Amino acid sequence: MLTTTIRLDDNLKERVAAAAARTGKSAHAFMRDAISQTVEQLELDSVFNEAADQRWKAILTSGKTVAWDEAKAYLEARSHGESPNRPVARNANQ
C-alpha cells in the first residue's frame, strides 16, 4: 500500500477529526472512506452518463420516444404494484 500526504487547513482538519470521532473511526479511516466513496460515486456517474449518452444517440437516430403522459401513467401504475404494459416508443410526429 502506498502512502499519500495531503495538506489540510486547520479548520478542515478539526472538522474531519470531529466527524471521524462521531463515526467511531480514526481521521485516517474517515478520509480513506470519504475518498473511496467519492471515487465510487464518480465511477457510477460515469457509467450512468455513458448509458444516457447512448440512449440519447438512439433517440436521435431512430426519432422514437415515449410520450410523457404514457410514461407517467406507466410509472404511476408500477408504483401502485400494478403490472401495466410498457409504453411503445413512436416517432415524435405520430
N, C-alpha and C. Protein backbone atom coordinates (compact mmCIF):
# COMPACT_ATOMS: atom_id res chain seq x y z
N MET A 1 0.85 -1.16 0.00
CA MET A 1 0.00 0.00 0.00
C MET A 1 0.90 1.23 0.00
N LEU A 2 0.53 2.20 -0.84
CA LEU A 2 1.29 3.44 -0.94
C LEU A 2 0.83 4.45 0.09
N THR A 3 1.71 5.36 0.44
CA THR A 3 1.37 6.44 1.35
C THR A 3 1.25 7.72 0.56
N THR A 4 0.19 8.48 0.85
CA THR A 4 -0.02 9.77 0.22
C THR A 4 -0.20 10.80 1.31
N THR A 5 0.40 11.95 1.14
CA THR A 5 0.28 13.02 2.11
C THR A 5 -0.65 14.08 1.55
N ILE A 6 -1.58 14.53 2.38
CA ILE A 6 -2.44 15.65 1.97
C ILE A 6 -2.32 16.73 3.02
N ARG A 7 -2.43 17.96 2.58
CA ARG A 7 -2.36 19.08 3.48
C ARG A 7 -3.76 19.63 3.67
N LEU A 8 -4.17 19.77 4.92
CA LEU A 8 -5.48 20.31 5.25
C LEU A 8 -5.29 21.57 6.07
N ASP A 9 -6.13 22.58 5.80
CA ASP A 9 -6.05 23.75 6.68
C ASP A 9 -6.58 23.34 8.06
N ASP A 10 -6.26 24.12 9.05
CA ASP A 10 -6.59 23.77 10.43
C ASP A 10 -8.08 23.53 10.63
N ASN A 11 -8.89 24.38 10.02
CA ASN A 11 -10.34 24.26 10.20
C ASN A 11 -10.85 22.92 9.65
N LEU A 12 -10.41 22.57 8.45
CA LEU A 12 -10.86 21.31 7.85
C LEU A 12 -10.34 20.12 8.65
N LYS A 13 -9.12 20.21 9.11
CA LYS A 13 -8.55 19.12 9.90
C LYS A 13 -9.38 18.90 11.16
N GLU A 14 -9.79 19.98 11.82
CA GLU A 14 -10.62 19.87 13.02
C GLU A 14 -11.99 19.27 12.68
N ARG A 15 -12.56 19.70 11.56
CA ARG A 15 -13.87 19.17 11.15
C ARG A 15 -13.79 17.69 10.83
N VAL A 16 -12.71 17.29 10.16
CA VAL A 16 -12.51 15.86 9.86
C VAL A 16 -12.38 15.07 11.14
N ALA A 17 -11.59 15.57 12.07
CA ALA A 17 -11.39 14.86 13.34
C ALA A 17 -12.71 14.72 14.08
N ALA A 18 -13.52 15.78 14.10
CA ALA A 18 -14.81 15.72 14.79
C ALA A 18 -15.76 14.75 14.09
N ALA A 19 -15.81 14.80 12.77
CA ALA A 19 -16.68 13.89 12.03
C ALA A 19 -16.23 12.44 12.22
N ALA A 20 -14.94 12.22 12.17
CA ALA A 20 -14.41 10.87 12.37
C ALA A 20 -14.77 10.35 13.75
N ALA A 21 -14.65 11.20 14.75
CA ALA A 21 -14.98 10.79 16.12
C ALA A 21 -16.45 10.40 16.23
N ARG A 22 -17.33 11.16 15.55
CA ARG A 22 -18.76 10.83 15.59
C ARG A 22 -19.05 9.48 14.97
N THR A 23 -18.24 9.06 14.03
CA THR A 23 -18.46 7.76 13.37
C THR A 23 -17.68 6.64 14.04
N GLY A 24 -16.85 7.00 15.01
CA GLY A 24 -16.06 5.98 15.68
C GLY A 24 -14.86 5.52 14.88
N LYS A 25 -14.44 6.32 13.93
CA LYS A 25 -13.29 5.98 13.08
C LYS A 25 -12.13 6.92 13.39
N SER A 26 -10.95 6.48 12.98
CA SER A 26 -9.81 7.39 13.04
C SER A 26 -9.96 8.39 11.89
N ALA A 27 -9.27 9.51 12.01
CA ALA A 27 -9.30 10.50 10.93
C ALA A 27 -8.79 9.87 9.63
N HIS A 28 -7.78 9.03 9.73
CA HIS A 28 -7.24 8.36 8.56
C HIS A 28 -8.30 7.49 7.89
N ALA A 29 -8.98 6.65 8.67
CA ALA A 29 -10.01 5.77 8.11
C ALA A 29 -11.16 6.59 7.53
N PHE A 30 -11.53 7.66 8.22
CA PHE A 30 -12.61 8.52 7.74
C PHE A 30 -12.27 9.13 6.38
N MET A 31 -11.05 9.66 6.25
CA MET A 31 -10.64 10.27 4.98
C MET A 31 -10.53 9.23 3.88
N ARG A 32 -9.99 8.05 4.21
CA ARG A 32 -9.87 6.98 3.23
C ARG A 32 -11.26 6.58 2.72
N ASP A 33 -12.22 6.43 3.65
CA ASP A 33 -13.58 6.08 3.26
C ASP A 33 -14.23 7.17 2.42
N ALA A 34 -13.99 8.43 2.80
CA ALA A 34 -14.56 9.54 2.04
C ALA A 34 -14.02 9.57 0.62
N ILE A 35 -12.73 9.36 0.48
CA ILE A 35 -12.12 9.33 -0.86
C ILE A 35 -12.67 8.16 -1.65
N SER A 36 -12.76 6.99 -1.02
CA SER A 36 -13.29 5.80 -1.70
C SER A 36 -14.72 6.02 -2.16
N GLN A 37 -15.55 6.59 -1.30
CA GLN A 37 -16.95 6.85 -1.66
C GLN A 37 -17.05 7.84 -2.81
N THR A 38 -16.21 8.87 -2.79
CA THR A 38 -16.23 9.86 -3.86
C THR A 38 -15.82 9.24 -5.19
N VAL A 39 -14.77 8.43 -5.17
CA VAL A 39 -14.32 7.76 -6.40
C VAL A 39 -15.40 6.82 -6.92
N GLU A 40 -16.01 6.03 -6.02
CA GLU A 40 -17.07 5.11 -6.43
C GLU A 40 -18.24 5.87 -7.04
N GLN A 41 -18.62 7.00 -6.44
CA GLN A 41 -19.73 7.79 -6.97
C GLN A 41 -19.40 8.35 -8.35
N LEU A 42 -18.18 8.82 -8.53
CA LEU A 42 -17.77 9.32 -9.84
C LEU A 42 -17.77 8.22 -10.89
N GLU A 43 -17.37 7.02 -10.50
CA GLU A 43 -17.40 5.89 -11.43
C GLU A 43 -18.84 5.54 -11.80
N LEU A 44 -19.74 5.53 -10.82
CA LEU A 44 -21.16 5.27 -11.10
C LEU A 44 -21.75 6.36 -11.99
N ASP A 45 -21.40 7.60 -11.70
CA ASP A 45 -21.87 8.72 -12.52
C ASP A 45 -21.40 8.56 -13.96
N SER A 46 -20.18 8.12 -14.13
CA SER A 46 -19.63 7.93 -15.47
C SER A 46 -20.41 6.86 -16.24
N VAL A 47 -20.71 5.75 -15.57
CA VAL A 47 -21.49 4.68 -16.20
C VAL A 47 -22.89 5.20 -16.55
N PHE A 48 -23.51 5.92 -15.62
CA PHE A 48 -24.84 6.49 -15.85
C PHE A 48 -24.82 7.44 -17.04
N ASN A 49 -23.83 8.34 -17.07
CA ASN A 49 -23.75 9.32 -18.16
C ASN A 49 -23.50 8.65 -19.50
N GLU A 50 -22.68 7.60 -19.51
CA GLU A 50 -22.43 6.87 -20.76
C GLU A 50 -23.72 6.22 -21.26
N ALA A 51 -24.48 5.61 -20.36
CA ALA A 51 -25.76 5.00 -20.75
C ALA A 51 -26.72 6.06 -21.28
N ALA A 52 -26.75 7.23 -20.61
CA ALA A 52 -27.62 8.31 -21.06
C ALA A 52 -27.21 8.80 -22.44
N ASP A 53 -25.91 8.93 -22.67
CA ASP A 53 -25.42 9.36 -23.99
C ASP A 53 -25.80 8.36 -25.07
N GLN A 54 -25.66 7.07 -24.78
CA GLN A 54 -26.03 6.05 -25.75
C GLN A 54 -27.52 6.08 -26.05
N ARG A 55 -28.34 6.24 -25.01
CA ARG A 55 -29.79 6.29 -25.22
C ARG A 55 -30.19 7.53 -26.00
N TRP A 56 -29.53 8.66 -25.72
CA TRP A 56 -29.83 9.88 -26.46
C TRP A 56 -29.47 9.71 -27.93
N LYS A 57 -28.34 9.09 -28.21
CA LYS A 57 -27.95 8.84 -29.60
C LYS A 57 -28.97 7.95 -30.29
N ALA A 58 -29.49 6.95 -29.56
CA ALA A 58 -30.51 6.06 -30.14
C ALA A 58 -31.78 6.83 -30.46
N ILE A 59 -32.14 7.77 -29.58
CA ILE A 59 -33.32 8.60 -29.83
C ILE A 59 -33.10 9.46 -31.07
N LEU A 60 -31.93 10.08 -31.16
CA LEU A 60 -31.64 10.92 -32.31
C LEU A 60 -31.62 10.12 -33.61
N THR A 61 -31.11 8.90 -33.53
CA THR A 61 -31.03 8.04 -34.73
C THR A 61 -32.41 7.55 -35.15
N SER A 62 -33.19 7.06 -34.19
CA SER A 62 -34.48 6.46 -34.53
C SER A 62 -35.61 7.48 -34.59
N GLY A 63 -35.48 8.55 -33.82
CA GLY A 63 -36.56 9.52 -33.73
C GLY A 63 -37.70 9.05 -32.86
N LYS A 64 -37.55 7.91 -32.21
CA LYS A 64 -38.64 7.35 -31.41
C LYS A 64 -38.48 7.70 -29.94
N THR A 65 -39.60 8.08 -29.35
CA THR A 65 -39.66 8.37 -27.92
C THR A 65 -40.99 7.88 -27.37
N VAL A 66 -41.10 7.87 -26.06
CA VAL A 66 -42.35 7.55 -25.38
C VAL A 66 -42.95 8.86 -24.90
N ALA A 67 -44.22 9.06 -25.18
CA ALA A 67 -44.90 10.28 -24.75
C ALA A 67 -44.89 10.35 -23.22
N TRP A 68 -44.71 11.57 -22.69
CA TRP A 68 -44.62 11.75 -21.26
C TRP A 68 -45.85 11.23 -20.53
N ASP A 69 -47.05 11.53 -21.07
CA ASP A 69 -48.26 11.08 -20.37
C ASP A 69 -48.33 9.57 -20.29
N GLU A 70 -47.86 8.87 -21.31
CA GLU A 70 -47.84 7.40 -21.28
C GLU A 70 -46.79 6.89 -20.30
N ALA A 71 -45.62 7.50 -20.31
CA ALA A 71 -44.55 7.09 -19.39
C ALA A 71 -44.98 7.34 -17.95
N LYS A 72 -45.59 8.48 -17.69
CA LYS A 72 -46.03 8.83 -16.34
C LYS A 72 -47.09 7.84 -15.86
N ALA A 73 -48.08 7.54 -16.71
CA ALA A 73 -49.14 6.60 -16.34
C ALA A 73 -48.54 5.23 -16.03
N TYR A 74 -47.58 4.80 -16.84
CA TYR A 74 -46.92 3.52 -16.63
C TYR A 74 -46.20 3.49 -15.28
N LEU A 75 -45.43 4.53 -15.01
CA LEU A 75 -44.68 4.58 -13.75
C LEU A 75 -45.60 4.68 -12.54
N GLU A 76 -46.67 5.43 -12.66
CA GLU A 76 -47.62 5.52 -11.55
C GLU A 76 -48.26 4.16 -11.27
N ALA A 77 -48.65 3.45 -12.33
CA ALA A 77 -49.25 2.12 -12.16
C ALA A 77 -48.25 1.18 -11.51
N ARG A 78 -47.01 1.22 -11.95
CA ARG A 78 -45.98 0.36 -11.35
C ARG A 78 -45.78 0.69 -9.88
N SER A 79 -45.82 1.97 -9.54
CA SER A 79 -45.62 2.37 -8.14
C SER A 79 -46.76 1.91 -7.24
N HIS A 80 -47.91 1.59 -7.85
CA HIS A 80 -49.06 1.09 -7.10
C HIS A 80 -49.13 -0.44 -7.12
N GLY A 81 -48.04 -1.07 -7.60
CA GLY A 81 -47.99 -2.54 -7.60
C GLY A 81 -48.67 -3.19 -8.78
N GLU A 82 -49.11 -2.40 -9.73
CA GLU A 82 -49.76 -2.95 -10.92
C GLU A 82 -48.70 -3.42 -11.92
N SER A 83 -49.13 -4.19 -12.91
CA SER A 83 -48.24 -4.69 -13.96
C SER A 83 -48.73 -4.24 -15.33
N PRO A 84 -48.64 -2.96 -15.62
CA PRO A 84 -49.14 -2.45 -16.91
C PRO A 84 -48.22 -2.83 -18.05
N ASN A 85 -48.75 -2.78 -19.26
CA ASN A 85 -47.91 -2.98 -20.45
C ASN A 85 -46.99 -1.78 -20.58
N ARG A 86 -45.76 -2.06 -21.01
CA ARG A 86 -44.81 -0.97 -21.22
C ARG A 86 -45.27 -0.11 -22.39
N PRO A 87 -45.12 1.21 -22.27
CA PRO A 87 -45.50 2.06 -23.39
C PRO A 87 -44.58 1.81 -24.59
N VAL A 88 -45.12 2.03 -25.76
CA VAL A 88 -44.38 1.78 -27.00
C VAL A 88 -43.78 3.09 -27.50
N ALA A 89 -42.50 3.03 -27.86
CA ALA A 89 -41.83 4.21 -28.43
C ALA A 89 -42.30 4.42 -29.86
N ARG A 90 -42.62 5.67 -30.17
CA ARG A 90 -43.06 6.02 -31.53
C ARG A 90 -42.30 7.25 -32.03
N ASN A 91 -42.35 7.47 -33.31
CA ASN A 91 -41.76 8.68 -33.84
C ASN A 91 -42.52 9.87 -33.28
N ALA A 92 -41.82 10.93 -33.01
CA ALA A 92 -42.40 12.09 -32.34
C ALA A 92 -43.57 12.70 -33.11
N ASN A 93 -43.57 12.57 -34.42
CA ASN A 93 -44.64 13.20 -35.22
C ASN A 93 -45.85 12.29 -35.40
N GLN A 94 -45.89 11.15 -34.74
CA GLN A 94 -47.06 10.25 -34.86
C GLN A 94 -48.03 10.49 -33.75
